[in-house]
């Protein structure tokens, strides 16, 4: 049996902080990846969906304002 393997878990990240100018909360789907070595977690990474996050922040509807900064 291999000693190195990984587990990929779908999850989501919720935010309740203030997002100017709306103040709305965000919920972003992500994928958690656990890498296991010799029966122990060797690493953990969370990969959120950038397009969903930017869409909820309003960045995708106003790219010119973001790129001009």
PDB file of N, CA and C in Angstrom:
ATOM      1  N   UNK A   1       0.842  -1.188   0.000  1.00  0.00           N
ATOM      2  CA  UNK A   1       0.000   0.000   0.000  1.00  0.00           C
ATOM      3  C   UNK A   1       0.885   1.248   0.000  1.00  0.00           C
ATOM      4  N   UNK A   2       0.565   2.231  -0.844  1.00  0.00           N
ATOM      5  CA  UNK A   2       1.384   3.450  -0.877  1.00  0.00           C
ATOM      6  C   UNK A   2       1.326   4.194   0.449  1.00  0.00           C
ATOM      7  N   UNK A   3       2.427   4.853   0.770  1.00  0.00           N
ATOM      8  CA  UNK A   3       2.463   5.626   2.011  1.00  0.00           C
ATOM      9  C   UNK A   3       2.083   7.086   1.788  1.00  0.00           C
ATOM     10  N   UNK A   4       2.087   7.541   0.531  1.00  0.00           N
ATOM     11  CA  UNK A   4       1.698   8.920   0.211  1.00  0.00           C
ATOM     12  C   UNK A   4       0.387   8.900  -0.566  1.00  0.00           C
ATOM     13  N   UNK A   5      -0.585   9.692  -0.145  1.00  0.00           N
ATOM     14  CA  UNK A   5      -1.845   9.797  -0.866  1.00  0.00           C
ATOM     15  C   UNK A   5      -2.492  11.119  -0.519  1.00  0.00           C
ATOM     16  N   UNK A   6      -3.560  11.489  -1.237  1.00  0.00           N
ATOM     17  CA  UNK A   6      -4.218  12.763  -0.979  1.00  0.00           C
ATOM     18  C   UNK A   6      -5.725  12.580  -0.945  1.00  0.00           C
ATOM     19  N   UNK A   7      -6.394  13.495  -0.259  1.00  0.00           N
ATOM     20  CA  UNK A   7      -7.847  13.515  -0.156  1.00  0.00           C
ATOM     21  C   UNK A   7      -8.300  14.895  -0.602  1.00  0.00           C
ATOM     22  N   UNK A   8      -9.267  14.944  -1.508  1.00  0.00           N
ATOM     23  CA  UNK A   8      -9.809  16.216  -1.994  1.00  0.00           C
ATOM     24  C   UNK A   8     -11.249  16.326  -1.504  1.00  0.00           C
ATOM     25  N   UNK A   9     -11.558  17.399  -0.786  1.00  0.00           N
ATOM     26  CA  UNK A   9     -12.853  17.572  -0.146  1.00  0.00           C
ATOM     27  C   UNK A   9     -13.497  18.874  -0.615  1.00  0.00           C
ATOM     28  N   UNK A  10     -14.723  18.797  -1.171  1.00  0.00           N
ATOM     29  CA  UNK A  10     -15.415  20.050  -1.491  1.00  0.00           C
ATOM     30  C   UNK A  10     -15.898  20.720  -0.206  1.00  0.00           C
ATOM     31  N   UNK A  11     -15.785  22.031  -0.137  1.00  0.00           N
ATOM     32  CA  UNK A  11     -16.225  22.769   1.050  1.00  0.00           C
ATOM     33  C   UNK A  11     -16.576  24.187   0.627  1.00  0.00           C
ATOM     34  N   UNK A  12     -16.825  25.049   1.600  1.00  0.00           N
ATOM     35  CA  UNK A  12     -17.083  26.454   1.279  1.00  0.00           C
ATOM     36  C   UNK A  12     -16.524  27.333   2.380  1.00  0.00           C
ATOM     37  N   UNK A  13     -16.263  28.574   2.016  1.00  0.00           N
ATOM     38  CA  UNK A  13     -15.764  29.572   2.952  1.00  0.00           C
ATOM     39  C   UNK A  13     -16.830  30.648   3.073  1.00  0.00           C
ATOM     40  N   UNK A  14     -17.181  30.992   4.301  1.00  0.00           N
ATOM     41  CA  UNK A  14     -18.166  32.046   4.525  1.00  0.00           C
ATOM     42  C   UNK A  14     -17.471  33.254   5.131  1.00  0.00           C
ATOM     43  N   UNK A  15     -17.895  34.427   4.720  1.00  0.00           N
ATOM     44  CA  UNK A  15     -17.336  35.651   5.274  1.00  0.00           C
ATOM     45  C   UNK A  15     -18.450  36.562   5.736  1.00  0.00           C
ATOM     46  N   UNK A  16     -18.265  37.149   6.893  1.00  0.00           N
ATOM     47  CA  UNK A  16     -19.284  38.056   7.415  1.00  0.00           C
ATOM     48  C   UNK A  16     -18.717  39.440   7.674  1.00  0.00           C
ATOM     49  N   UNK A  17     -17.493  39.680   7.228  1.00  0.00           N
ATOM     50  CA  UNK A  17     -16.893  40.997   7.401  1.00  0.00           C
ATOM     51  C   UNK A  17     -17.531  42.000   6.460  1.00  0.00           C
ATOM     52  N   UNK A  18     -17.142  43.220   6.611  1.00  0.00           N
ATOM     53  CA  UNK A  18     -17.708  44.286   5.783  1.00  0.00           C
ATOM     54  C   UNK A  18     -17.022  44.296   4.425  1.00  0.00           C
ATOM     55  N   UNK A  19     -17.820  44.285   3.389  1.00  0.00           N
ATOM     56  CA  UNK A  19     -17.311  44.377   2.030  1.00  0.00           C
ATOM     57  C   UNK A  19     -17.836  45.677   1.444  1.00  0.00           C
ATOM     58  N   UNK A  20     -16.982  46.641   1.315  1.00  0.00           N
ATOM     59  CA  UNK A  20     -17.410  47.934   0.779  1.00  0.00           C
ATOM     60  C   UNK A  20     -17.826  47.769  -0.674  1.00  0.00           C
ATOM     61  N   UNK A  21     -18.842  48.380  -1.143  1.00  0.00           N
ATOM     62  CA  UNK A  21     -19.739  49.253  -0.416  1.00  0.00           C
ATOM     63  C   UNK A  21     -21.004  48.560   0.077  1.00  0.00           C
ATOM     64  N   UNK A  22     -21.160  47.228  -0.141  1.00  0.00           N
ATOM     65  CA  UNK A  22     -22.440  46.570   0.161  1.00  0.00           C
ATOM     66  C   UNK A  22     -22.588  46.119   1.599  1.00  0.00           C
ATOM     67  N   UNK A  23     -21.501  45.707   2.245  1.00  0.00           N
ATOM     68  CA  UNK A  23     -21.583  45.173   3.599  1.00  0.00           C
ATOM     69  C   UNK A  23     -22.171  43.773   3.642  1.00  0.00           C
ATOM     70  N   UNK A  24     -22.342  43.121   2.485  1.00  0.00           N
ATOM     71  CA  UNK A  24     -22.935  41.788   2.418  1.00  0.00           C
ATOM     72  C   UNK A  24     -21.918  40.709   2.763  1.00  0.00           C
ATOM     73  N   UNK A  25     -22.427  39.581   3.242  1.00  0.00           N
ATOM     74  CA  UNK A  25     -21.582  38.417   3.490  1.00  0.00           C
ATOM     75  C   UNK A  25     -21.328  37.694   2.169  1.00  0.00           C
ATOM     76  N   UNK A  26     -20.260  36.922   2.117  1.00  0.00           N
ATOM     77  CA  UNK A  26     -19.953  36.120   0.937  1.00  0.00           C
ATOM     78  C   UNK A  26     -19.901  34.649   1.321  1.00  0.00           C
ATOM     79  N   UNK A  27     -20.190  33.797   0.360  1.00  0.00           N
ATOM     80  CA  UNK A  27     -20.030  32.354   0.531  1.00  0.00           C
ATOM     81  C   UNK A  27     -19.379  31.843  -0.739  1.00  0.00           C
ATOM     82  N   UNK A  28     -18.174  31.282  -0.596  1.00  0.00           N
ATOM     83  CA  UNK A  28     -17.365  30.901  -1.743  1.00  0.00           C
ATOM     84  C   UNK A  28     -17.068  29.399  -1.687  1.00  0.00           C
ATOM     85  N   UNK A  29     -17.404  28.648  -2.758  1.00  0.00           N
ATOM     86  CA  UNK A  29     -17.032  27.233  -2.771  1.00  0.00           C
ATOM     87  C   UNK A  29     -15.527  27.082  -2.914  1.00  0.00           C
ATOM     88  N   UNK A  30     -14.993  26.040  -2.322  1.00  0.00           N
ATOM     89  CA  UNK A  30     -13.565  25.783  -2.449  1.00  0.00           C
ATOM     90  C   UNK A  30     -13.313  24.284  -2.399  1.00  0.00           C
ATOM     91  N   UNK A  31     -12.079  23.927  -2.668  1.00  0.00           N
ATOM     92  CA  UNK A  31     -11.670  22.536  -2.603  1.00  0.00           C
ATOM     93  C   UNK A  31     -10.517  22.451  -1.611  1.00  0.00           C
ATOM     94  N   UNK A  32     -10.676  21.617  -0.581  1.00  0.00           N
ATOM     95  CA  UNK A  32      -9.612  21.383   0.388  1.00  0.00           C
ATOM     96  C   UNK A  32      -8.827  20.147  -0.042  1.00  0.00           C
ATOM     97  N   UNK A  33      -7.511  20.233  -0.001  1.00  0.00           N
ATOM     98  CA  UNK A  33      -6.661  19.108  -0.386  1.00  0.00           C
ATOM     99  C   UNK A  33      -5.739  18.787   0.780  1.00  0.00           C
ATOM    100  N   UNK A  34      -5.892  17.581   1.294  1.00  0.00           N
ATOM    101  CA  UNK A  34      -5.030  17.074   2.364  1.00  0.00           C
ATOM    102  C   UNK A  34      -4.064  16.084   1.740  1.00  0.00           C
ATOM    103  N   UNK A  35      -2.774  16.246   1.990  1.00  0.00           N
ATOM    104  CA  UNK A  35      -1.787  15.270   1.551  1.00  0.00           C
ATOM    105  C   UNK A  35      -1.317  14.514   2.793  1.00  0.00           C
ATOM    106  N   UNK A  36      -1.387  13.204   2.701  1.00  0.00           N
ATOM    107  CA  UNK A  36      -1.085  12.347   3.843  1.00  0.00           C
ATOM    108  C   UNK A  36       0.175  11.549   3.547  1.00  0.00           C
ATOM    109  N   UNK A  37       1.063  11.524   4.501  1.00  0.00           N
ATOM    110  CA  UNK A  37       2.310  10.771   4.375  1.00  0.00           C
ATOM    111  C   UNK A  37       2.499   9.959   5.649  1.00  0.00           C
ATOM    112  N   UNK A  38       2.690   8.676   5.485  1.00  0.00           N
ATOM    113  CA  UNK A  38       2.908   7.763   6.616  1.00  0.00           C
ATOM    114  C   UNK A  38       1.804   7.887   7.663  1.00  0.00           C
ATOM    115  N   UNK A  39       0.555   8.045   7.202  1.00  0.00           N
ATOM    116  CA  UNK A  39      -0.587   8.088   8.111  1.00  0.00           C
ATOM    117  C   UNK A  39      -0.807   9.413   8.809  1.00  0.00           C
ATOM    118  N   UNK A  40      -0.025  10.434   8.459  1.00  0.00           N
ATOM    119  CA  UNK A  40      -0.172  11.751   9.090  1.00  0.00           C
ATOM    120  C   UNK A  40      -0.393  12.817   8.009  1.00  0.00           C
ATOM    121  N   UNK A  41      -1.130  13.859   8.351  1.00  0.00           N
ATOM    122  CA  UNK A  41      -1.345  14.948   7.410  1.00  0.00           C
ATOM    123  C   UNK A  41      -0.025  15.686   7.212  1.00  0.00           C
ATOM    124  N   UNK A  42       0.460  15.675   5.974  1.00  0.00           N
ATOM    125  CA  UNK A  42       1.734  16.336   5.656  1.00  0.00           C
ATOM    126  C   UNK A  42       1.503  17.769   5.191  1.00  0.00           C
ATOM    127  N   UNK A  43       0.353  18.014   4.551  1.00  0.00           N
ATOM    128  CA  UNK A  43       0.055  19.374   4.112  1.00  0.00           C
ATOM    129  C   UNK A  43      -1.447  19.528   3.920  1.00  0.00           C
ATOM    130  N   UNK A  44      -1.882  20.782   3.948  1.00  0.00           N
ATOM    131  CA  UNK A  44      -3.279  21.119   3.732  1.00  0.00           C
ATOM    132  C   UNK A  44      -3.336  22.403   2.922  1.00  0.00           C
ATOM    133  N   UNK A  45      -4.165  22.432   1.885  1.00  0.00           N
ATOM    134  CA  UNK A  45      -4.359  23.632   1.083  1.00  0.00           C
ATOM    135  C   UNK A  45      -5.835  23.810   0.787  1.00  0.00           C
ATOM    136  N   UNK A  46      -6.282  25.042   0.787  1.00  0.00           N
ATOM    137  CA  UNK A  46      -7.653  25.377   0.442  1.00  0.00           C
ATOM    138  C   UNK A  46      -7.615  26.233  -0.815  1.00  0.00           C
ATOM    139  N   UNK A  47      -8.354  25.820  -1.838  1.00  0.00           N
ATOM    140  CA  UNK A  47      -8.382  26.534  -3.109  1.00  0.00           C
ATOM    141  C   UNK A  47      -9.780  27.098  -3.341  1.00  0.00           C
ATOM    142  N   UNK A  48     -10.019  28.369  -2.986  1.00  0.00           N
ATOM    143  CA  UNK A  48     -11.340  28.963  -3.200  1.00  0.00           C
ATOM    144  C   UNK A  48     -11.560  29.318  -4.665  1.00  0.00           C
ATOM    145  N   UNK A  49     -12.813  29.369  -5.064  1.00  0.00           N
ATOM    146  CA  UNK A  49     -13.163  29.758  -6.431  1.00  0.00           C
ATOM    147  C   UNK A  49     -13.023  31.269  -6.564  1.00  0.00           C
ATOM    148  N   UNK A  50     -11.983  31.693  -7.249  1.00  0.00           N
ATOM    149  CA  UNK A  50     -11.726  33.125  -7.416  1.00  0.00           C
ATOM    150  C   UNK A  50     -12.820  33.840  -8.177  1.00  0.00           C
ATOM    151  N   UNK A  51     -13.375  33.188  -9.207  1.00  0.00           N
ATOM    152  CA  UNK A  51     -14.410  33.864  -9.983  1.00  0.00           C
ATOM    153  C   UNK A  51     -15.680  34.086  -9.167  1.00  0.00           C
ATOM    154  N   UNK A  52     -16.021  33.129  -8.301  1.00  0.00           N
ATOM    155  CA  UNK A  52     -17.197  33.312  -7.445  1.00  0.00           C
ATOM    156  C   UNK A  52     -16.939  34.425  -6.435  1.00  0.00           C
ATOM    157  N   UNK A  53     -15.759  34.425  -5.823  1.00  0.00           N
ATOM    158  CA  UNK A  53     -15.409  35.463  -4.856  1.00  0.00           C
ATOM    159  C   UNK A  53     -15.426  36.839  -5.504  1.00  0.00           C
ATOM    160  N   UNK A  54     -14.752  36.979  -6.652  1.00  0.00           N
ATOM    161  CA  UNK A  54     -14.710  38.281  -7.322  1.00  0.00           C
ATOM    162  C   UNK A  54     -16.087  38.722  -7.796  1.00  0.00           C
ATOM    163  N   UNK A  55     -16.905  37.772  -8.206  1.00  0.00           N
ATOM    164  CA  UNK A  55     -18.268  38.103  -8.603  1.00  0.00           C
ATOM    165  C   UNK A  55     -19.081  38.644  -7.439  1.00  0.00           C
ATOM    166  N   UNK A  56     -18.951  38.018  -6.262  1.00  0.00           N
ATOM    167  CA  UNK A  56     -19.682  38.485  -5.089  1.00  0.00           C
ATOM    168  C   UNK A  56     -19.167  39.828  -4.590  1.00  0.00           C
ATOM    169  N   UNK A  57     -17.905  40.110  -4.823  1.00  0.00           N
ATOM    170  CA  UNK A  57     -17.334  41.389  -4.421  1.00  0.00           C
ATOM    171  C   UNK A  57     -17.648  42.499  -5.423  1.00  0.00           C
ATOM    172  N   UNK A  58     -18.171  42.123  -6.583  1.00  0.00           N
ATOM    173  CA  UNK A  58     -18.486  43.108  -7.603  1.00  0.00           C
ATOM    174  C   UNK A  58     -17.320  43.448  -8.500  1.00  0.00           C
ATOM    175  N   UNK A  59     -16.222  42.715  -8.374  1.00  0.00           N
ATOM    176  CA  UNK A  59     -15.026  43.010  -9.164  1.00  0.00           C
ATOM    177  C   UNK A  59     -15.252  42.703 -10.639  1.00  0.00           C
ATOM    178  N   UNK A  60     -15.959  41.620 -10.933  1.00  0.00           N
ATOM    179  CA  UNK A  60     -16.133  41.210 -12.330  1.00  0.00           C
ATOM    180  C   UNK A  60     -17.014  42.168 -13.118  1.00  0.00           C
ATOM    181  N   UNK A  61     -17.862  42.901 -12.441  1.00  0.00           N
ATOM    182  CA  UNK A  61     -18.731  43.842 -13.154  1.00  0.00           C
ATOM    183  C   UNK A  61     -18.080  45.204 -13.324  1.00  0.00           C
ATOM    184  N   UNK A  62     -16.917  45.409 -12.688  1.00  0.00           N
ATOM    185  CA  UNK A  62     -16.253  46.702 -12.776  1.00  0.00           C
ATOM    186  C   UNK A  62     -14.737  46.508 -12.867  1.00  0.00           C
ATOM    187  N   UNK A  63     -14.310  45.705 -13.827  1.00  0.00           N
ATOM    188  CA  UNK A  63     -12.868  45.396 -13.959  1.00  0.00           C
ATOM    189  C   UNK A  63     -12.028  46.626 -14.255  1.00  0.00           C
ATOM    190  N   UNK A  64     -12.554  47.584 -14.975  1.00  0.00           N
ATOM    191  CA  UNK A  64     -11.779  48.788 -15.306  1.00  0.00           C
ATOM    192  C   UNK A  64     -11.356  49.537 -14.057  1.00  0.00           C
ATOM    193  N   UNK A  65     -12.244  49.653 -13.072  1.00  0.00           N
ATOM    194  CA  UNK A  65     -11.928  50.363 -11.835  1.00  0.00           C
ATOM    195  C   UNK A  65     -10.825  49.643 -11.068  1.00  0.00           C
ATOM    196  N   UNK A  66     -10.849  48.328 -11.094  1.00  0.00           N
ATOM    197  CA  UNK A  66      -9.833  47.553 -10.373  1.00  0.00           C
ATOM    198  C   UNK A  66      -8.492  47.657 -11.085  1.00  0.00           C
ATOM    199  N   UNK A  67      -8.487  47.561 -12.401  1.00  0.00           N
ATOM    200  CA  UNK A  67      -7.235  47.581 -13.162  1.00  0.00           C
ATOM    201  C   UNK A  67      -6.608  48.963 -13.216  1.00  0.00           C
ATOM    202  N   UNK A  68      -7.397  50.008 -13.034  1.00  0.00           N
ATOM    203  CA  UNK A  68      -6.857  51.381 -13.061  1.00  0.00           C
ATOM    204  C   UNK A  68      -6.086  51.723 -11.796  1.00  0.00           C
ATOM    205  N   UNK A  69      -6.201  50.946 -10.749  1.00  0.00           N
ATOM    206  CA  UNK A  69      -5.544  51.287  -9.478  1.00  0.00           C
ATOM    207  C   UNK A  69      -4.109  50.900  -9.463  1.00  0.00           C
TER     208      UNK A  69
END
